[in-house]
Each structure stands twice: as structure tokens, then as C-alpha cells.
Amino acid sequence: MVVDDHRLLAEALASALKLRGHRVVAAAAPAAGAADLVIARAPEVCLLGTAAPAEPGVFDPVVKIKRERPQVAVLVLGPVPSPRGIAAAFAAGASGYVRHDERIEGVERAIMKARAGEAAVAPLLLQGAFSELLNPAAQPDDEAQRLLEMLTPREAEVLVRVADGEDTRRIAAGMGIAPSTARTHVQRVLMKLGVGSRLEAAALAARTGLLDRAGSLRGVGDPG
């Protein structure tokens, strides 16, 4: 059974599988009603379409199907997922994940594996998932974001200059402000970061990743 909220996609895939000798029923249904259709028909294998594998609750229909019809093998049909998307699909009870752009031969192989009780995921998809898990993209530091939100753009620039070792005179000259104004900015930065010295401020900014992110704001802010 092929279930997707895009009728054309569901019928095209069903037709392709029928030409290869499979008995297939196509159905178009929104995500909320997909589970009920599958539960009512109780097919041996279900290809369940999704457009957003990363969205919270997107695999709830899989959970419902497996709870009501545990004998049904569910293959999720969707775009290239993140590693978490693949993990979430299997955690919900799916037997496999098939990309929307997979060739019909790949879809057929996935169906055969699901029927045999095997996990059905294309090797290249797994390879990509493992690669991302082993080499995750750097995520913004929560503490850095919290600290940065406490500073004005002008104060963020002052912090970068402090970390670069600039004294009050050089900060004032570089920013085109009076030394007294620069000194006030420095004191506000120290107070907001909860540190007692410029050295501590620079160390905190470097440790949390705040320095790199504040650096992108250098030169931004209102005059003064």
C-alpha cells in the first residue's frame, strides 16, 4: 500500500510497482488520516510518505500503525533526512526509509527487505548519516548566545577589541569615540558578563565561543 498526501506521487509509485508484479493499493491522505487508512487495509507493507522527516510528531502515524497492526511493515518515503530523522523513523517502528528520488529498483529492494523483517535503508543514505554523526556540524554555544544577547552591538565590538588587547585609548580611537565613553562601555561589558577584569572577560568570551560570534558584529552599532 502506498499512502501519501500527494495523490499523483502515490498513484505513480503504485503503478510502477504494479508493472513489476506487485499487488498495490494507492491512497492519498493527509498525515493525520494516513494511519487510519493503513490500519483499515492492513497491508503486508506500507510505503508512508512524509515531506518533513525532521518535524516533531511526523512519525506519530507510524507509531499508531505499529500499535494497532504490528504485522504491517512500514517504509517511510521522504526527502533526504538528517541522522536524527532516520533514527526517529526507526524509533517509531518503521522498517526502513526510502528517499523520494530512489529508483524503482531501490524501492522494490526495500519492500523485499521489509517483508523479510530486515532494516531497509540504502547504503549511501546510511553512510551519509554516519558521516554526519561522526563529524557533526558545530552548533552555536547556548551560553555564548545568552551572553551575546546581553550585549549591545557596540558593547560586542568593545569586547572583541578588549580581547585583542586594545587599551582604552586604542578602543576609543578605533571606534571614533571619546576615551571616557570607551571606558564606560568596557565597564558595562565587565558588569554584564559578571567578571572583574578585562582578562577575565576575554577568557570567558574565548571559552564559550562568544568571541568568535561577537567578532562578526565588529563595527556594527550606533555611534557614541
C-alpha atoms as a PDB file:
ATOM      1  CA  MET A   1       0.000   0.000   0.000  1.00  0.00           C
ATOM      2  CA  VAL A   2       1.303   3.478  -0.892  1.00  0.00           C
ATOM      3  CA  VAL A   3      -0.030   6.360   1.195  1.00  0.00           C
ATOM      4  CA  ASP A   4       0.962   9.972   0.550  1.00  0.00           C
ATOM      5  CA  ASP A   5      -0.815  13.311   0.712  1.00  0.00           C
ATOM      6  CA  HIS A   6       0.176  13.854  -2.929  1.00  0.00           C
ATOM      7  CA  ARG A   7      -2.179  11.638  -4.937  1.00  0.00           C
ATOM      8  CA  LEU A   8      -0.093  11.885  -8.103  1.00  0.00           C
ATOM      9  CA  LEU A   9       3.016  10.614  -6.330  1.00  0.00           C
ATOM     10  CA  ALA A  10       1.128   7.781  -4.627  1.00  0.00           C
ATOM     11  CA  GLU A  11      -0.537   6.631  -7.857  1.00  0.00           C
ATOM     12  CA  ALA A  12       2.649   6.912  -9.936  1.00  0.00           C
ATOM     13  CA  LEU A  13       4.629   4.787  -7.482  1.00  0.00           C
ATOM     14  CA  ALA A  14       1.802   2.274  -7.202  1.00  0.00           C
ATOM     15  CA  SER A  15       1.620   1.969 -10.997  1.00  0.00           C
ATOM     16  CA  ALA A  16       5.365   1.434 -11.272  1.00  0.00           C
ATOM     17  CA  LEU A  17       5.252  -1.316  -8.663  1.00  0.00           C
ATOM     18  CA  LYS A  18       2.255  -2.975 -10.338  1.00  0.00           C
ATOM     19  CA  LEU A  19       4.200  -3.161 -13.586  1.00  0.00           C
ATOM     20  CA  ARG A  20       6.827  -5.133 -11.689  1.00  0.00           C
ATOM     21  CA  GLY A  21       4.272  -7.670 -10.492  1.00  0.00           C
ATOM     22  CA  HIS A  22       3.287  -6.295  -7.100  1.00  0.00           C
ATOM     23  CA  ARG A  23      -0.280  -6.016  -5.895  1.00  0.00           C
ATOM     24  CA  VAL A  24      -0.522  -2.404  -4.738  1.00  0.00           C
ATOM     25  CA  VAL A  25      -3.214  -0.080  -3.471  1.00  0.00           C
ATOM     26  CA  ALA A  26      -2.572   3.673  -3.714  1.00  0.00           C
ATOM     27  CA  ALA A  27      -4.212   6.183  -1.426  1.00  0.00           C
ATOM     28  CA  ALA A  28      -3.943   9.918  -0.873  1.00  0.00           C
ATOM     29  CA  ALA A  29      -4.424  11.149   2.662  1.00  0.00           C
ATOM     30  CA  PRO A  30      -3.098  13.870   4.948  1.00  0.00           C
ATOM     31  CA  ALA A  31      -0.726  12.708   7.653  1.00  0.00           C
ATOM     32  CA  ALA A  32      -3.485  12.727  10.263  1.00  0.00           C
ATOM     33  CA  GLY A  33      -5.577  10.195   8.346  1.00  0.00           C
ATOM     34  CA  ALA A  34      -2.812   8.031   6.903  1.00  0.00           C
ATOM     35  CA  ALA A  35      -2.585   5.728   9.902  1.00  0.00           C
ATOM     36  CA  ASP A  36      -6.319   5.010   9.892  1.00  0.00           C
ATOM     37  CA  LEU A  37      -6.224   4.035   6.206  1.00  0.00           C
ATOM     38  CA  VAL A  38      -3.352   1.621   6.750  1.00  0.00           C
ATOM     39  CA  ILE A  39      -4.928   0.139   9.864  1.00  0.00           C
ATOM     40  CA  ALA A  40      -8.187  -0.433   7.984  1.00  0.00           C
ATOM     41  CA  ARG A  41      -6.498  -2.119   4.983  1.00  0.00           C
ATOM     42  CA  ALA A  42      -3.781  -3.952   6.947  1.00  0.00           C
ATOM     43  CA  PRO A  43      -1.374  -4.408   4.023  1.00  0.00           C
ATOM     44  CA  GLU A  44       1.759  -6.514   4.274  1.00  0.00           C
ATOM     45  CA  VAL A  45       3.956  -3.490   3.528  1.00  0.00           C
ATOM     46  CA  CYS A  46       3.099   0.197   3.601  1.00  0.00           C
ATOM     47  CA  LEU A  47       5.047   2.998   1.936  1.00  0.00           C
ATOM     48  CA  LEU A  48       4.157   6.042   4.006  1.00  0.00           C
ATOM     49  CA  GLY A  49       5.073   9.413   2.510  1.00  0.00           C
ATOM     50  CA  THR A  50       6.341  12.369   4.519  1.00  0.00           C
ATOM     51  CA  ALA A  51       7.597  15.751   3.370  1.00  0.00           C
ATOM     52  CA  ALA A  52       9.334  16.788   6.602  1.00  0.00           C
ATOM     53  CA  PRO A  53      11.114  13.967   8.470  1.00  0.00           C
ATOM     54  CA  ALA A  54      12.609  16.440  10.945  1.00  0.00           C
ATOM     55  CA  GLU A  55       9.290  17.857  12.151  1.00  0.00           C
ATOM     56  CA  PRO A  56       8.152  16.865  15.678  1.00  0.00           C
ATOM     57  CA  GLY A  57       5.429  14.223  15.619  1.00  0.00           C
ATOM     58  CA  VAL A  58       5.820  13.458  11.920  1.00  0.00           C
ATOM     59  CA  PHE A  59       6.226   9.748  12.659  1.00  0.00           C
ATOM     60  CA  ASP A  60       3.233   9.516  15.007  1.00  0.00           C
ATOM     61  CA  PRO A  61       1.262   7.690  12.264  1.00  0.00           C
ATOM     62  CA  VAL A  62       3.973   5.013  12.230  1.00  0.00           C
ATOM     63  CA  VAL A  63       3.622   4.585  15.982  1.00  0.00           C
ATOM     64  CA  LYS A  64      -0.155   4.248  15.657  1.00  0.00           C
ATOM     65  CA  ILE A  65       0.084   1.737  12.807  1.00  0.00           C
ATOM     66  CA  LYS A  66       2.572  -0.451  14.656  1.00  0.00           C
ATOM     67  CA  ARG A  67       0.462  -0.324  17.793  1.00  0.00           C
ATOM     68  CA  GLU A  68      -2.726  -1.373  16.000  1.00  0.00           C
ATOM     69  CA  ARG A  69      -1.212  -3.520  13.225  1.00  0.00           C
ATOM     70  CA  PRO A  70       2.233  -4.695  14.379  1.00  0.00           C
ATOM     71  CA  GLN A  71       2.440  -7.117  11.464  1.00  0.00           C
ATOM     72  CA  VAL A  72       2.466  -4.280   8.920  1.00  0.00           C
ATOM     73  CA  ALA A  73       5.975  -3.330   7.775  1.00  0.00           C
ATOM     74  CA  VAL A  74       6.125   0.454   7.369  1.00  0.00           C
ATOM     75  CA  LEU A  75       8.613   2.033   4.979  1.00  0.00           C
ATOM     76  CA  VAL A  76       8.896   5.797   5.288  1.00  0.00           C
ATOM     77  CA  LEU A  77       9.082   7.566   1.921  1.00  0.00           C
ATOM     78  CA  GLY A  78      10.585  11.032   2.097  1.00  0.00           C
ATOM     79  CA  PRO A  79      13.355  13.517   1.291  1.00  0.00           C
ATOM     80  CA  VAL A  80      16.971  13.078   2.353  1.00  0.00           C
ATOM     81  CA  PRO A  81      16.705  13.024   6.141  1.00  0.00           C
ATOM     82  CA  SER A  82      19.108  14.057   8.855  1.00  0.00           C
ATOM     83  CA  PRO A  83      20.597  11.282  11.019  1.00  0.00           C
ATOM     84  CA  ARG A  84      18.005  12.199  13.646  1.00  0.00           C
ATOM     85  CA  GLY A  85      15.286  11.806  11.040  1.00  0.00           C
ATOM     86  CA  ILE A  86      16.378   8.259  10.261  1.00  0.00           C
ATOM     87  CA  ALA A  87      16.705   7.443  13.964  1.00  0.00           C
ATOM     88  CA  ALA A  88      13.251   8.895  14.686  1.00  0.00           C
ATOM     89  CA  ALA A  89      11.681   6.810  11.908  1.00  0.00           C
ATOM     90  CA  PHE A  90      13.128   3.586  13.286  1.00  0.00           C
ATOM     91  CA  ALA A  91      12.327   4.567  16.864  1.00  0.00           C
ATOM     92  CA  ALA A  92       8.689   4.948  15.812  1.00  0.00           C
ATOM     93  CA  GLY A  93       8.718   1.392  14.465  1.00  0.00           C
ATOM     94  CA  ALA A  94       9.475   1.890  10.765  1.00  0.00           C
ATOM     95  CA  SER A  95      11.158  -0.969   8.923  1.00  0.00           C
ATOM     96  CA  GLY A  96      13.071   1.350   6.638  1.00  0.00           C
ATOM     97  CA  TYR A  97      13.482   4.705   4.947  1.00  0.00           C
ATOM     98  CA  VAL A  98      13.274   5.239   1.176  1.00  0.00           C
ATOM     99  CA  ARG A  99      14.224   8.514  -0.489  1.00  0.00           C
ATOM    100  CA  HIS A 100      11.729  10.248  -2.760  1.00  0.00           C
ATOM    101  CA  ASP A 101      14.273  10.206  -5.570  1.00  0.00           C
ATOM    102  CA  GLU A 102      15.107   6.500  -5.246  1.00  0.00           C
ATOM    103  CA  ARG A 103      14.893   4.417  -8.413  1.00  0.00           C
ATOM    104  CA  ILE A 104      12.037   1.920  -8.593  1.00  0.00           C
ATOM    105  CA  GLU A 105      14.547  -0.937  -8.243  1.00  0.00           C
ATOM    106  CA  GLY A 106      15.654   0.535  -4.918  1.00  0.00           C
ATOM    107  CA  VAL A 107      12.073   0.840  -3.725  1.00  0.00           C
ATOM    108  CA  GLU A 108      11.465  -2.778  -4.680  1.00  0.00           C
ATOM    109  CA  ARG A 109      14.565  -3.936  -2.797  1.00  0.00           C
ATOM    110  CA  ALA A 110      13.385  -2.044   0.278  1.00  0.00           C
ATOM    111  CA  ILE A 111       9.992  -3.755   0.081  1.00  0.00           C
ATOM    112  CA  MET A 112      11.641  -7.180  -0.161  1.00  0.00           C
ATOM    113  CA  LYS A 113      13.797  -6.445   2.870  1.00  0.00           C
ATOM    114  CA  ALA A 114      10.832  -5.183   4.868  1.00  0.00           C
ATOM    115  CA  ARG A 115       8.888  -8.336   4.047  1.00  0.00           C
ATOM    116  CA  ALA A 116      11.837 -10.386   5.280  1.00  0.00           C
ATOM    117  CA  GLY A 117      11.956  -8.456   8.528  1.00  0.00           C
ATOM    118  CA  GLU A 118      15.196  -6.663   7.670  1.00  0.00           C
ATOM    119  CA  ALA A 119      16.045  -2.977   8.046  1.00  0.00           C
ATOM    120  CA  ALA A 120      15.651  -1.290   4.663  1.00  0.00           C
ATOM    121  CA  VAL A 121      17.920   1.724   4.250  1.00  0.00           C
ATOM    122  CA  ALA A 122      20.083   2.465   1.207  1.00  0.00           C
ATOM    123  CA  PRO A 123      23.815   2.052   1.995  1.00  0.00           C
ATOM    124  CA  LEU A 124      24.624   5.550   0.709  1.00  0.00           C
ATOM    125  CA  LEU A 125      21.947   7.030   2.962  1.00  0.00           C
ATOM    126  CA  LEU A 126      23.357   5.205   5.967  1.00  0.00           C
ATOM    127  CA  GLN A 127      26.870   6.231   5.016  1.00  0.00           C
ATOM    128  CA  GLY A 128      25.829   9.869   4.870  1.00  0.00           C
ATOM    129  CA  ALA A 129      24.041   9.601   8.201  1.00  0.00           C
ATOM    130  CA  PHE A 130      27.013   8.005   9.936  1.00  0.00           C
ATOM    131  CA  SER A 131      29.356  10.577   8.409  1.00  0.00           C
ATOM    132  CA  GLU A 132      27.250  13.418   9.802  1.00  0.00           C
ATOM    133  CA  LEU A 133      27.011  11.752  13.198  1.00  0.00           C
ATOM    134  CA  LEU A 134      30.765  11.215  13.366  1.00  0.00           C
ATOM    135  CA  ASN A 135      31.543  14.724  12.080  1.00  0.00           C
ATOM    136  CA  PRO A 136      28.704  16.895  13.341  1.00  0.00           C
ATOM    137  CA  ALA A 137      28.469  20.496  12.253  1.00  0.00           C
ATOM    138  CA  ALA A 138      29.404  22.886  15.022  1.00  0.00           C
ATOM    139  CA  GLN A 139      26.354  24.126  16.879  1.00  0.00           C
ATOM    140  CA  PRO A 140      26.133  27.584  18.417  1.00  0.00           C
ATOM    141  CA  ASP A 141      27.001  27.535  22.091  1.00  0.00           C
ATOM    142  CA  ASP A 142      23.928  28.235  24.233  1.00  0.00           C
ATOM    143  CA  GLU A 143      25.931  30.135  26.832  1.00  0.00           C
ATOM    144  CA  ALA A 144      27.569  32.228  24.141  1.00  0.00           C
ATOM    145  CA  GLN A 145      24.173  33.120  22.698  1.00  0.00           C
ATOM    146  CA  ARG A 146      22.832  34.024  26.115  1.00  0.00           C
ATOM    147  CA  LEU A 147      25.814  36.259  26.855  1.00  0.00           C
ATOM    148  CA  LEU A 148      25.764  37.859  23.418  1.00  0.00           C
ATOM    149  CA  GLU A 149      22.110  38.773  23.793  1.00  0.00           C
ATOM    150  CA  MET A 150      23.042  40.728  26.929  1.00  0.00           C
ATOM    151  CA  LEU A 151      25.390  43.000  24.973  1.00  0.00           C
ATOM    152  CA  THR A 152      24.552  45.764  22.544  1.00  0.00           C
ATOM    153  CA  PRO A 153      26.308  45.621  19.154  1.00  0.00           C
ATOM    154  CA  ARG A 154      28.589  48.431  20.353  1.00  0.00           C
ATOM    155  CA  GLU A 155      29.475  46.513  23.514  1.00  0.00           C
ATOM    156  CA  ALA A 156      30.136  43.366  21.476  1.00  0.00           C
ATOM    157  CA  GLU A 157      32.653  45.351  19.430  1.00  0.00           C
ATOM    158  CA  VAL A 158      34.272  46.634  22.607  1.00  0.00           C
ATOM    159  CA  LEU A 159      34.577  43.048  23.871  1.00  0.00           C
ATOM    160  CA  VAL A 160      36.365  41.984  20.682  1.00  0.00           C
ATOM    161  CA  ARG A 161      38.776  44.903  20.996  1.00  0.00           C
ATOM    162  CA  VAL A 162      39.400  44.098  24.656  1.00  0.00           C
ATOM    163  CA  ALA A 163      40.189  40.516  23.714  1.00  0.00           C
ATOM    164  CA  ASP A 164      42.582  41.838  21.050  1.00  0.00           C
ATOM    165  CA  GLY A 165      44.494  43.588  23.818  1.00  0.00           C
ATOM    166  CA  GLU A 166      43.495  47.132  22.959  1.00  0.00           C
ATOM    167  CA  ASP A 167      43.633  49.637  25.809  1.00  0.00           C
ATOM    168  CA  THR A 168      41.042  52.343  26.376  1.00  0.00           C
ATOM    169  CA  ARG A 169      42.837  54.867  24.151  1.00  0.00           C
ATOM    170  CA  ARG A 170      43.055  52.474  21.196  1.00  0.00           C
ATOM    171  CA  ILE A 171      39.444  51.341  21.653  1.00  0.00           C
ATOM    172  CA  ALA A 172      38.341  54.982  21.585  1.00  0.00           C
ATOM    173  CA  ALA A 173      40.417  55.772  18.509  1.00  0.00           C
ATOM    174  CA  GLY A 174      39.320  52.646  16.660  1.00  0.00           C
ATOM    175  CA  MET A 175      35.651  53.275  17.317  1.00  0.00           C
ATOM    176  CA  GLY A 176      35.754  57.049  16.915  1.00  0.00           C
ATOM    177  CA  ILE A 177      34.502  57.758  20.424  1.00  0.00           C
ATOM    178  CA  ALA A 178      35.828  59.624  23.448  1.00  0.00           C
ATOM    179  CA  PRO A 179      38.101  57.731  25.883  1.00  0.00           C
ATOM    180  CA  SER A 180      35.573  58.332  28.658  1.00  0.00           C
ATOM    181  CA  THR A 181      32.850  56.738  26.521  1.00  0.00           C
ATOM    182  CA  ALA A 182      35.105  53.787  25.721  1.00  0.00           C
ATOM    183  CA  ARG A 183      35.837  53.335  29.409  1.00  0.00           C
ATOM    184  CA  THR A 184      32.107  53.324  30.177  1.00  0.00           C
ATOM    185  CA  HIS A 185      31.485  50.694  27.511  1.00  0.00           C
ATOM    186  CA  VAL A 186      34.240  48.490  28.941  1.00  0.00           C
ATOM    187  CA  GLN A 187      32.792  48.747  32.442  1.00  0.00           C
ATOM    188  CA  ARG A 188      29.334  47.819  31.161  1.00  0.00           C
ATOM    189  CA  VAL A 189      30.742  44.786  29.357  1.00  0.00           C
ATOM    190  CA  LEU A 190      32.526  43.598  32.500  1.00  0.00           C
ATOM    191  CA  MET A 191      29.382  44.112  34.566  1.00  0.00           C
ATOM    192  CA  LYS A 192      27.105  42.299  32.118  1.00  0.00           C
ATOM    193  CA  LEU A 193      29.489  39.338  31.791  1.00  0.00           C
ATOM    194  CA  GLY A 194      29.891  39.175  35.572  1.00  0.00           C
ATOM    195  CA  VAL A 195      33.689  39.396  35.520  1.00  0.00           C
ATOM    196  CA  GLY A 196      36.122  41.667  37.348  1.00  0.00           C
ATOM    197  CA  SER A 197      38.777  42.347  34.733  1.00  0.00           C
ATOM    198  CA  ARG A 198      39.398  42.665  31.024  1.00  0.00           C
ATOM    199  CA  LEU A 199      41.467  39.488  31.095  1.00  0.00           C
ATOM    200  CA  GLU A 200      38.579  37.540  32.625  1.00  0.00           C
ATOM    201  CA  ALA A 201      36.204  38.956  30.015  1.00  0.00           C
ATOM    202  CA  ALA A 202      38.496  37.860  27.181  1.00  0.00           C
ATOM    203  CA  ALA A 203      38.918  34.389  28.699  1.00  0.00           C
ATOM    204  CA  LEU A 204      35.162  33.923  29.143  1.00  0.00           C
ATOM    205  CA  ALA A 205      34.480  35.074  25.596  1.00  0.00           C
ATOM    206  CA  ALA A 206      37.060  32.675  24.176  1.00  0.00           C
ATOM    207  CA  ARG A 207      35.934  29.722  26.304  1.00  0.00           C
ATOM    208  CA  THR A 208      32.255  29.948  25.396  1.00  0.00           C
ATOM    209  CA  GLY A 209      32.723  30.795  21.727  1.00  0.00           C
ATOM    210  CA  LEU A 210      31.289  34.254  22.381  1.00  0.00           C
ATOM    211  CA  LEU A 211      34.414  35.895  20.980  1.00  0.00           C
ATOM    212  CA  ASP A 212      34.005  34.354  17.518  1.00  0.00           C
ATOM    213  CA  ARG A 213      30.363  35.297  17.318  1.00  0.00           C
ATOM    214  CA  ALA A 214      30.868  38.803  18.701  1.00  0.00           C
ATOM    215  CA  GLY A 215      33.604  39.318  16.119  1.00  0.00           C
ATOM    216  CA  SER A 216      31.013  39.223  13.332  1.00  0.00           C
ATOM    217  CA  LEU A 217      29.436  42.320  14.883  1.00  0.00           C
ATOM    218  CA  ARG A 218      32.638  44.361  14.931  1.00  0.00           C
ATOM    219  CA  GLY A 219      31.971  47.799  13.545  1.00  0.00           C
ATOM    220  CA  VAL A 220      28.203  47.412  13.934  1.00  0.00           C
ATOM    221  CA  GLY A 221      26.211  49.698  16.179  1.00  0.00           C
ATOM    222  CA  ASP A 222      25.186  53.281  16.719  1.00  0.00           C
ATOM    223  CA  PRO A 223      27.852  55.955  17.019  1.00  0.00           C
ATOM    224  CA  GLY A 224      28.795  57.010  20.514  1.00  0.00           C
END
